[in-house]
Amino acid sequence: MSFVRTLPIRVAPVSGEALDSWVEAIAHRTDTYLNDLLPALGFLPRHEGLSPARWDWSGMPTDLELESIASATGITAGQVHRMTLRPYDQRALVLNPHSRRVDQRLLWGRARGSRYCPVCLAESGGRWQVSWRLGWSFACLVHNRLLADDCPGCLRPQRMRPHSGYGIPIPGRCANTTRGSDKHPRCHHDLTSAPSLPFPAESPVIQAQHLLATCIDTGRADFGIYAADPQPARVALADIRALAARFLMVASRPADLMSDTCLTRDMPAEIVTRIPTQERTSRFPDRPGASAPPGAPSTAAAVLVALNILNQPAFAEAGQRMRTLVEAVSRVSPQAALTVSTWGADISPLLKSVHLAAALHRRPLSEQLRHRAVTSAPESHPPTRARRPNAPARSPLSPGRAGGYGQPPRKARSTRSCVRPCPRCS
C-alpha cells in the first residue's frame, strides 16, 4: 500500500527513457527542487542525514518505491520498472542486490556515467535513454550516429553523479559543476550541440550495435558460432568482453604495434583514428578492458574486433580470424595469449574451442588429432598418463607389492623415543 499523494501535474515518460531523466523532467515542469520532489515520489534517504539526491536512486529502486512512484505519477509499476536498470540485470550487467549498484567487474557494467545522442536530446526535449547507461552502448540506432561521451563545454562525462537536490534541472543542459562542487555554478552547456560521427546504416559500427541490442533484448545469442548451440546473452557478452579486452591491451601500446597487425583493416577510419593509446579514466589502467571503456570509439573498435571472430559460421574460420589477435597479444604478453583460462571465469566453452582452433596449426599432428582439430568444434583434453606395458594393477592384494599377497607386511614405525635415558633416573 502506498502512502504518497498524486502529483497535481503529470509528465508522460518518453519511450525508453531513464528514470532519473523522467524525474528531472517532472521537476523542471513543476519548477520544484529534487529534494522536495523525491520524497513526494516515495524516495527516502538511505542513510540518516543524506538527502535522496545524493545517491543514485535510479538504478535499482525497491518494489515499494516502484509502487509509490506509480501511485504519485499515474502510470503503472511496470512502466517504472522498464525505466530502471533492473530489466538488464543478468543480461547486459550485474546488479548487486545489497548495495543496489552495478558491479563494474562483470560484463562491462557502468556504475556511473552515461553516453548520449545529441540529436535524440534535441528531438525529445532533453530526455535521456536508459540504454545509454550500458557499457555496451556506443551508437544510436535511430540516427545511426556514434554516441557522445563528454560535454563540449566542460569536456567532462555526463551523469557521473545525481543532480543536485538544491537546483531545478534543465533538460538538455550539462549539470556538471564548474569546479567539481555543488556550491559552484553549473556548466549548463547545450548538449544538443555536441559533435557526433554519422555512419551509414550498413556500416559495421551500426550493424554491431544492432546485433548487441538484439542479443540483450532477447536474452540469448544465436549468431555466428552460437547458431548451433545458442547461449544466454550474459555468456556471449562475456566472450565479447574477453576478446575486446585483448584488443584493448594491444591498442594501449605504441602505435607501431597496432599498425603491424590487421586488426583494424576492415574498421572505419573515423573509429581507428579516435582510439586512445590509454584510457584516461579507466579504473584499471594497467589492464585495459577490465572495466567498460569510457570512450565510445574505443568501445566500438573493441566490439568490432570481437564480433569479427565470434560472428563466423564455423570454428575453423573463427580460429583463423582469432589467430591475428593472438599473435598481436603474444607480442605484449605471451602468457595472456596462450592461456585462455586467464581470459575470464565466465567465458563459454565455445570461445575456448575457437582459441584452440587458432593455436592448433602450430602443434604437431598428434596434438591436432588428440584435440580433434578436423571436427567442427575442437576440444581441449588433458593429457593421459601413459602406463608401462605389462604393469600390474595397483591393488592391495596384487603380488609384487609390499604388503600384498606373498609379500611380508610392512613394519610399523616404532613409537618409542630415540632419546637415551638419563643415568640418574634409571
Protein backbone atom coordinates (compact mmCIF):
# COMPACT_ATOMS: atom_id res chain seq x y z
CA MET A 1 0.00 0.00 0.00
CA SER A 2 1.37 3.42 -0.97
CA PHE A 3 1.05 6.49 1.25
CA VAL A 4 2.06 9.13 -1.34
CA ARG A 5 -0.29 11.63 -2.90
CA THR A 6 -0.87 12.03 -6.61
CA LEU A 7 1.12 14.86 -8.16
CA PRO A 8 -1.05 17.72 -9.44
CA ILE A 9 0.92 17.97 -12.69
CA ARG A 10 1.82 14.85 -14.65
CA VAL A 11 4.51 14.41 -17.29
CA ALA A 12 4.36 11.35 -19.53
CA PRO A 13 7.63 9.44 -19.93
CA VAL A 14 9.25 9.07 -23.34
CA SER A 15 9.67 5.56 -24.78
CA GLY A 16 12.88 4.04 -23.42
CA GLU A 17 13.52 6.95 -21.07
CA ALA A 18 15.61 6.55 -17.93
CA LEU A 19 14.01 7.06 -14.52
CA ASP A 20 16.33 9.88 -13.46
CA SER A 21 15.67 11.73 -16.73
CA TRP A 22 11.91 11.45 -16.25
CA VAL A 23 12.05 12.66 -12.64
CA GLU A 24 14.19 15.61 -13.72
CA ALA A 25 11.62 16.42 -16.43
CA ILE A 26 8.89 16.42 -13.75
CA ALA A 27 11.00 18.69 -11.55
CA HIS A 28 11.56 21.07 -14.45
CA ARG A 29 7.86 21.10 -15.39
CA THR A 30 6.70 21.72 -11.81
CA ASP A 31 9.58 24.12 -11.02
CA THR A 32 10.50 22.05 -7.95
CA TYR A 33 13.78 21.14 -6.29
CA LEU A 34 14.67 17.46 -6.35
CA ASN A 35 14.99 17.49 -2.55
CA ASP A 36 11.26 18.33 -2.42
CA LEU A 37 10.15 16.13 -5.31
CA LEU A 38 11.87 12.84 -4.41
CA PRO A 39 10.16 12.41 -1.00
CA ALA A 40 6.83 13.19 -2.71
CA LEU A 41 7.50 10.26 -5.05
CA GLY A 42 8.24 7.88 -2.18
CA PHE A 43 12.05 8.04 -2.13
CA LEU A 44 13.55 8.21 1.34
CA PRO A 45 17.19 8.74 2.35
CA ARG A 46 19.20 5.52 2.57
CA HIS A 47 21.30 6.97 5.40
CA GLU A 48 20.41 9.45 8.08
CA GLY A 49 21.37 12.98 7.14
CA LEU A 50 21.81 12.13 3.45
CA SER A 51 19.36 13.68 1.03
CA PRO A 52 17.77 11.45 -1.63
CA ALA A 53 19.50 13.41 -4.38
CA ARG A 54 22.96 12.46 -3.09
CA TRP A 55 22.82 8.78 -4.09
CA ASP A 56 21.99 7.02 -7.33
CA TRP A 57 18.35 6.04 -6.81
CA SER A 58 17.58 5.39 -10.49
CA GLY A 59 19.43 2.09 -11.00
CA MET A 60 17.63 -0.42 -8.79
CA PRO A 61 14.74 1.02 -6.74
CA THR A 62 12.82 -1.29 -4.45
CA ASP A 63 9.39 -2.69 -5.27
CA LEU A 64 7.83 -0.35 -2.69
CA GLU A 65 9.48 2.63 -4.36
CA LEU A 66 8.19 1.48 -7.76
CA GLU A 67 4.64 1.31 -6.42
CA SER A 68 4.98 4.72 -4.78
CA ILE A 69 6.22 6.33 -8.00
CA ALA A 70 3.40 4.70 -9.96
CA SER A 71 0.79 5.97 -7.48
CA ALA A 72 2.18 9.50 -7.47
CA THR A 73 2.53 9.84 -11.24
CA GLY A 74 -0.43 7.84 -12.52
CA ILE A 75 1.49 5.24 -14.53
CA THR A 76 1.90 1.53 -13.87
CA ALA A 77 4.69 -0.02 -11.83
CA GLY A 78 5.75 -1.99 -14.92
CA GLN A 79 6.42 1.23 -16.80
CA VAL A 80 8.57 2.50 -13.95
CA HIS A 81 10.38 -0.85 -13.83
CA ARG A 82 11.33 -0.57 -17.52
CA MET A 83 12.89 2.85 -16.89
CA THR A 84 15.47 1.35 -14.49
CA LEU A 85 18.45 -0.94 -15.00
CA ARG A 86 16.66 -3.92 -13.47
CA PRO A 87 15.46 -5.35 -16.86
CA TYR A 88 19.12 -5.56 -17.92
CA ASP A 89 20.23 -7.46 -14.81
CA GLN A 90 21.94 -10.78 -15.65
CA ARG A 91 21.79 -9.83 -19.33
CA ALA A 92 23.95 -6.77 -20.01
CA LEU A 93 25.10 -6.08 -16.44
CA VAL A 94 25.02 -7.47 -12.92
CA LEU A 95 23.28 -5.60 -10.09
CA ASN A 96 24.38 -6.09 -6.51
CA PRO A 97 21.19 -6.90 -4.53
CA HIS A 98 22.61 -5.46 -1.30
CA SER A 99 24.12 -2.17 -2.46
CA ARG A 100 21.76 -1.97 -5.48
CA ARG A 101 24.61 -0.77 -7.64
CA VAL A 102 26.12 -2.07 -10.86
CA ASP A 103 29.04 -4.45 -10.48
CA GLN A 104 31.83 -2.89 -12.54
CA ARG A 105 33.88 -6.10 -12.53
CA LEU A 106 31.37 -8.04 -14.65
CA LEU A 107 30.04 -7.52 -18.18
CA TRP A 108 31.44 -4.01 -18.56
CA GLY A 109 29.00 -2.63 -16.02
CA ARG A 110 28.98 1.14 -15.59
CA ALA A 111 28.12 2.27 -12.08
CA ARG A 112 28.23 5.91 -13.10
CA GLY A 113 28.06 8.00 -16.23
CA SER A 114 26.09 7.87 -19.45
CA ARG A 115 26.69 8.49 -23.12
CA TYR A 116 24.12 10.37 -25.17
CA CYS A 117 22.93 11.15 -28.67
CA PRO A 118 22.73 14.93 -29.27
CA VAL A 119 20.08 14.51 -31.98
CA CYS A 120 17.87 12.42 -29.67
CA LEU A 121 18.19 15.07 -26.94
CA ALA A 122 17.18 17.77 -29.41
CA GLU A 123 14.14 15.84 -30.67
CA SER A 124 12.89 14.69 -27.25
CA GLY A 125 13.45 17.89 -25.33
CA GLY A 126 16.47 16.69 -23.38
CA ARG A 127 15.20 13.26 -22.32
CA TRP A 128 17.81 10.52 -21.73
CA GLN A 129 17.51 6.88 -22.77
CA VAL A 130 18.19 4.22 -20.14
CA SER A 131 20.12 2.10 -22.67
CA TRP A 132 22.74 4.86 -22.94
CA ARG A 133 23.94 3.91 -19.46
CA LEU A 134 25.03 0.45 -20.59
CA GLY A 135 28.69 -0.17 -21.23
CA TRP A 136 27.67 -1.90 -24.49
CA SER A 137 26.01 1.21 -25.99
CA PHE A 138 28.23 3.16 -28.35
CA ALA A 139 25.94 4.11 -31.28
CA CYS A 140 22.41 5.47 -31.71
CA LEU A 141 20.28 3.11 -33.80
CA VAL A 142 17.69 5.80 -34.52
CA HIS A 143 20.01 8.34 -36.13
CA ASN A 144 22.95 6.00 -36.96
CA ARG A 145 25.46 8.11 -35.09
CA LEU A 146 28.22 7.45 -32.59
CA LEU A 147 27.19 8.43 -29.07
CA ALA A 148 28.88 11.42 -27.44
CA ASP A 149 30.87 10.96 -24.24
CA ASP A 150 31.63 14.42 -22.85
CA CYS A 151 30.09 17.86 -22.67
CA PRO A 152 31.50 20.16 -25.38
CA GLY A 153 31.66 22.96 -22.81
CA CYS A 154 33.35 21.49 -19.72
CA LEU A 155 34.79 18.45 -21.56
CA ARG A 156 33.64 16.07 -18.81
CA PRO A 157 31.41 12.98 -18.97
CA GLN A 158 27.74 13.21 -18.13
CA ARG A 159 25.71 11.82 -15.20
CA MET A 160 28.70 10.84 -13.12
CA ARG A 161 26.69 11.83 -10.04
CA PRO A 162 22.99 12.59 -9.38
CA HIS A 163 21.69 16.08 -9.98
CA SER A 164 21.92 18.45 -7.05
CA GLY A 165 18.85 18.46 -4.84
CA TYR A 166 19.07 22.25 -4.43
CA GLY A 167 18.54 23.11 -8.05
CA ILE A 168 15.92 22.78 -10.74
CA PRO A 169 17.13 20.57 -13.61
CA ILE A 170 17.23 21.93 -17.14
CA PRO A 171 16.72 19.10 -19.66
CA GLY A 172 19.30 19.01 -22.42
CA ARG A 173 21.83 21.06 -20.46
CA CYS A 174 25.03 19.93 -18.76
CA ALA A 175 24.55 19.57 -14.99
CA ASN A 176 28.27 19.35 -14.13
CA THR A 177 29.65 21.92 -11.72
CA THR A 178 32.30 24.32 -12.94
CA ARG A 179 34.78 23.39 -10.20
CA GLY A 180 33.57 19.99 -9.03
CA SER A 181 31.46 21.19 -6.09
CA ASP A 182 27.75 21.75 -5.68
CA LYS A 183 28.39 25.24 -4.31
CA HIS A 184 29.73 26.48 -7.67
CA PRO A 185 27.53 27.29 -10.66
CA ARG A 186 26.62 24.65 -13.20
CA CYS A 187 28.05 24.33 -16.70
CA HIS A 188 24.60 24.44 -18.37
CA HIS A 189 26.13 23.99 -21.82
CA ASP A 190 23.75 22.90 -24.57
CA LEU A 191 24.38 19.17 -25.05
CA THR A 192 22.48 19.09 -28.34
CA SER A 193 25.42 20.93 -29.94
CA ALA A 194 27.89 18.14 -29.14
CA PRO A 195 29.60 16.69 -32.24
CA SER A 196 28.94 13.04 -33.13
CA LEU A 197 30.08 10.89 -36.02
CA PRO A 198 27.37 9.79 -38.51
CA PHE A 199 27.56 6.38 -40.17
CA PRO A 200 25.52 4.75 -42.94
CA ALA A 201 23.04 2.08 -41.90
CA GLU A 202 25.15 -0.68 -43.48
CA SER A 203 28.29 0.40 -41.58
CA PRO A 204 29.86 -2.33 -39.40
CA VAL A 205 29.57 0.01 -36.41
CA ILE A 206 25.79 0.24 -36.73
CA GLN A 207 25.44 -3.45 -37.56
CA ALA A 208 27.47 -4.39 -34.48
CA GLN A 209 25.27 -2.22 -32.26
CA HIS A 210 22.17 -3.81 -33.82
CA LEU A 211 23.49 -7.29 -33.04
CA LEU A 212 24.29 -6.39 -29.43
CA ALA A 213 20.88 -4.77 -28.93
CA THR A 214 19.11 -7.86 -30.30
CA CYS A 215 21.17 -10.14 -28.09
CA ILE A 216 20.41 -8.07 -24.98
CA ASP A 217 16.69 -7.63 -25.73
CA THR A 218 16.08 -11.32 -26.45
CA GLY A 219 18.39 -12.57 -23.73
CA ARG A 220 20.08 -15.13 -26.00
CA ALA A 221 22.83 -15.26 -28.61
CA ASP A 222 22.27 -17.31 -31.76
CA PHE A 223 24.67 -15.67 -34.20
CA GLY A 224 27.95 -16.96 -35.59
CA ILE A 225 29.49 -19.76 -33.54
CA TYR A 226 26.41 -19.74 -31.26
CA ALA A 227 23.98 -20.64 -34.06
CA ALA A 228 24.15 -24.40 -33.46
CA ASP A 229 24.24 -24.03 -29.67
CA PRO A 230 22.54 -20.77 -28.58
CA GLN A 231 23.91 -19.26 -25.38
CA PRO A 232 22.46 -16.81 -22.84
CA ALA A 233 23.22 -13.17 -23.54
CA ARG A 234 25.41 -12.93 -20.46
CA VAL A 235 27.68 -15.74 -21.71
CA ALA A 236 28.04 -14.25 -25.19
CA LEU A 237 28.78 -10.79 -23.78
CA ALA A 238 31.41 -12.32 -21.50
CA ASP A 239 33.09 -13.79 -24.59
CA ILE A 240 32.93 -10.44 -26.37
CA ARG A 241 34.40 -8.72 -23.33
CA ALA A 242 37.27 -11.25 -23.16
CA LEU A 243 38.24 -10.72 -26.81
CA ALA A 244 37.73 -6.95 -26.61
CA ALA A 245 40.00 -6.74 -23.58
CA ARG A 246 42.79 -8.45 -25.53
CA PHE A 247 42.39 -5.97 -28.37
CA LEU A 248 42.49 -3.02 -25.97
CA MET A 249 45.66 -4.50 -24.50
CA VAL A 250 47.27 -4.19 -27.93
CA ALA A 251 45.71 -0.78 -28.64
CA SER A 252 47.10 0.68 -25.40
CA ARG A 253 50.67 0.03 -26.57
CA PRO A 254 52.64 2.17 -29.05
CA ALA A 255 51.00 2.81 -32.41
CA ASP A 256 53.58 0.85 -34.38
CA LEU A 257 52.38 -2.37 -32.76
CA MET A 258 48.82 -1.75 -33.98
CA SER A 259 50.00 -0.81 -37.46
CA ASP A 260 51.85 -4.10 -37.82
CA THR A 261 48.63 -6.11 -37.38
CA CYS A 262 45.49 -6.49 -39.49
CA LEU A 263 43.07 -5.98 -36.60
CA THR A 264 41.79 -2.61 -37.86
CA ARG A 265 41.84 -3.42 -41.57
CA ASP A 266 38.04 -3.58 -42.00
CA MET A 267 37.32 -0.89 -39.40
CA PRO A 268 36.12 2.62 -40.35
CA ALA A 269 38.96 5.11 -40.37
CA GLU A 270 36.99 7.53 -38.18
CA ILE A 271 36.99 4.91 -35.41
CA VAL A 272 40.64 3.92 -35.77
CA THR A 273 41.93 7.48 -35.50
CA ARG A 274 39.93 8.06 -32.31
CA ILE A 275 41.20 5.04 -30.36
CA PRO A 276 43.23 6.43 -27.44
CA THR A 277 46.52 4.78 -26.54
CA GLN A 278 45.42 4.73 -22.88
CA GLU A 279 42.01 5.45 -21.35
CA ARG A 280 42.41 8.46 -19.10
CA THR A 281 39.66 7.48 -16.64
CA SER A 282 39.98 3.71 -16.59
CA ARG A 283 39.77 2.05 -13.18
CA PHE A 284 42.44 -0.42 -14.28
CA PRO A 285 44.97 1.47 -16.46
CA ASP A 286 47.36 -1.49 -16.40
CA ARG A 287 44.61 -3.87 -17.56
CA PRO A 288 42.75 -2.26 -20.47
CA GLY A 289 39.29 -3.73 -20.98
CA ALA A 290 38.92 -4.95 -17.40
CA SER A 291 36.19 -2.33 -16.98
CA ALA A 292 33.95 -0.65 -19.53
CA PRO A 293 35.93 1.72 -21.78
CA PRO A 294 34.82 5.30 -21.11
CA GLY A 295 35.06 6.27 -24.77
CA ALA A 296 32.55 5.28 -27.44
CA PRO A 297 35.20 4.96 -30.23
CA SER A 298 37.34 2.51 -28.25
CA THR A 299 34.25 0.52 -27.24
CA ALA A 300 33.09 0.31 -30.86
CA ALA A 301 36.54 -0.76 -32.07
CA ALA A 302 36.90 -3.46 -29.41
CA VAL A 303 33.42 -4.86 -30.10
CA LEU A 304 34.08 -4.91 -33.85
CA VAL A 305 37.24 -6.97 -33.36
CA ALA A 306 35.40 -9.41 -31.08
CA LEU A 307 32.41 -9.84 -33.40
CA ASN A 308 34.72 -10.30 -36.38
CA ILE A 309 35.75 -13.53 -34.65
CA LEU A 310 32.56 -14.71 -32.98
CA ASN A 311 30.25 -13.94 -35.88
CA GLN A 312 31.88 -16.52 -38.15
CA PRO A 313 29.73 -19.53 -39.15
CA ALA A 314 32.39 -22.17 -38.35
CA PHE A 315 35.03 -22.65 -35.67
CA ALA A 316 37.80 -23.03 -38.26
CA GLU A 317 37.05 -19.63 -39.79
CA ALA A 318 36.71 -18.06 -36.34
CA GLY A 319 40.06 -19.58 -35.38
CA GLN A 320 41.73 -18.06 -38.44
CA ARG A 321 40.35 -14.62 -37.53
CA MET A 322 41.42 -15.09 -33.93
CA ARG A 323 44.94 -16.07 -34.93
CA THR A 324 45.72 -12.47 -35.82
CA LEU A 325 44.59 -11.27 -32.40
CA VAL A 326 46.50 -13.98 -30.55
CA GLU A 327 49.71 -13.18 -32.44
CA ALA A 328 49.34 -9.48 -31.62
CA VAL A 329 48.68 -10.18 -27.95
CA SER A 330 51.68 -12.53 -27.78
CA ARG A 331 53.93 -9.59 -28.59
CA VAL A 332 52.64 -7.83 -25.48
CA SER A 333 52.14 -10.77 -23.11
CA PRO A 334 52.81 -14.33 -24.33
CA GLN A 335 51.08 -15.83 -21.30
CA ALA A 336 47.90 -13.82 -21.89
CA ALA A 337 47.82 -15.00 -25.50
CA LEU A 338 48.29 -18.71 -24.85
CA THR A 339 46.46 -19.22 -21.55
CA VAL A 340 42.76 -18.86 -22.30
CA SER A 341 41.82 -19.72 -18.73
CA THR A 342 43.02 -16.27 -17.67
CA TRP A 343 40.60 -14.53 -20.02
CA GLY A 344 37.72 -14.81 -17.57
CA ALA A 345 36.00 -17.36 -15.41
CA ASP A 346 32.66 -16.87 -17.19
CA ILE A 347 33.72 -17.41 -20.81
CA SER A 348 31.96 -20.15 -22.75
CA PRO A 349 33.45 -23.47 -23.93
CA LEU A 350 32.76 -22.27 -27.47
CA LEU A 351 35.28 -19.46 -27.11
CA LYS A 352 37.82 -21.96 -25.76
CA SER A 353 37.26 -24.09 -28.87
CA VAL A 354 37.89 -21.07 -31.08
CA HIS A 355 41.09 -20.30 -29.20
CA LEU A 356 42.16 -23.92 -29.58
CA ALA A 357 41.44 -23.83 -33.32
CA ALA A 358 43.59 -20.69 -33.62
CA ALA A 359 46.59 -22.35 -31.97
CA LEU A 360 46.42 -25.92 -33.32
CA HIS A 361 48.23 -25.11 -36.57
CA ARG A 362 51.50 -24.79 -34.66
CA ARG A 363 51.13 -28.06 -32.78
CA PRO A 364 52.28 -31.50 -34.02
CA LEU A 365 49.89 -33.80 -35.84
CA SER A 366 49.43 -36.00 -32.78
CA GLU A 367 48.24 -32.99 -30.76
CA GLN A 368 45.84 -31.98 -33.53
CA LEU A 369 44.34 -35.48 -33.59
CA ARG A 370 44.02 -35.60 -29.81
CA HIS A 371 42.19 -32.27 -29.77
CA ARG A 372 40.03 -33.33 -32.75
CA ALA A 373 41.16 -30.45 -34.94
CA VAL A 374 39.34 -31.85 -38.00
CA THR A 375 35.96 -31.69 -36.25
CA SER A 376 33.67 -28.67 -36.22
CA ALA A 377 34.45 -27.84 -32.57
CA PRO A 378 37.93 -28.73 -31.27
CA GLU A 379 38.10 -29.63 -27.59
CA SER A 380 40.85 -29.44 -25.05
CA HIS A 381 41.62 -32.76 -23.34
CA PRO A 382 44.10 -33.21 -20.50
CA PRO A 383 47.00 -35.48 -21.40
CA THR A 384 46.53 -39.02 -20.19
CA ARG A 385 49.26 -40.68 -18.11
CA ALA A 386 51.00 -43.40 -20.11
CA ARG A 387 51.21 -46.73 -18.24
CA ARG A 388 54.14 -49.08 -18.57
CA PRO A 389 53.42 -52.20 -20.65
CA ASN A 390 52.55 -55.32 -18.63
CA ALA A 391 52.39 -53.15 -15.49
CA PRO A 392 50.48 -54.83 -12.66
CA ALA A 393 47.25 -53.33 -11.48
CA ARG A 394 47.54 -51.22 -8.36
CA SER A 395 45.55 -53.39 -5.99
CA PRO A 396 46.25 -54.01 -2.30
CA LEU A 397 46.24 -57.79 -3.00
CA SER A 398 48.44 -57.63 -6.07
CA PRO A 399 51.62 -59.77 -5.91
CA GLY A 400 54.85 -57.86 -6.00
CA ARG A 401 53.73 -55.00 -3.78
CA ALA A 402 54.88 -54.55 -0.23
CA GLY A 403 52.10 -55.76 2.00
CA GLY A 404 50.35 -57.56 -0.83
CA TYR A 405 49.79 -61.22 -1.48
CA GLY A 406 53.00 -63.22 -1.00
CA GLN A 407 54.92 -60.33 0.50
CA PRO A 408 55.79 -59.68 4.12
CA PRO A 409 53.75 -56.97 5.77
CA ARG A 410 55.25 -53.58 6.22
CA LYS A 411 56.89 -52.92 9.54
CA ALA A 412 55.13 -50.37 11.59
CA ARG A 413 57.14 -47.40 12.70
CA SER A 414 58.28 -47.55 16.28
CA THR A 415 56.70 -45.00 18.56
CA ARG A 416 59.46 -45.35 21.15
CA SER A 417 61.64 -42.35 21.72
CA CYS A 418 65.20 -42.42 20.46
CA VAL A 419 66.46 -40.21 23.30
CA ARG A 420 68.89 -42.02 25.66
CA PRO A 421 67.55 -42.14 29.22
CA CYS A 422 69.24 -40.20 31.96
CA PRO A 423 71.65 -42.37 34.11
CA ARG A 424 70.45 -40.74 37.34
CA CYS A 425 66.80 -41.53 36.64
CA SER A 426 67.37 -45.15 35.58
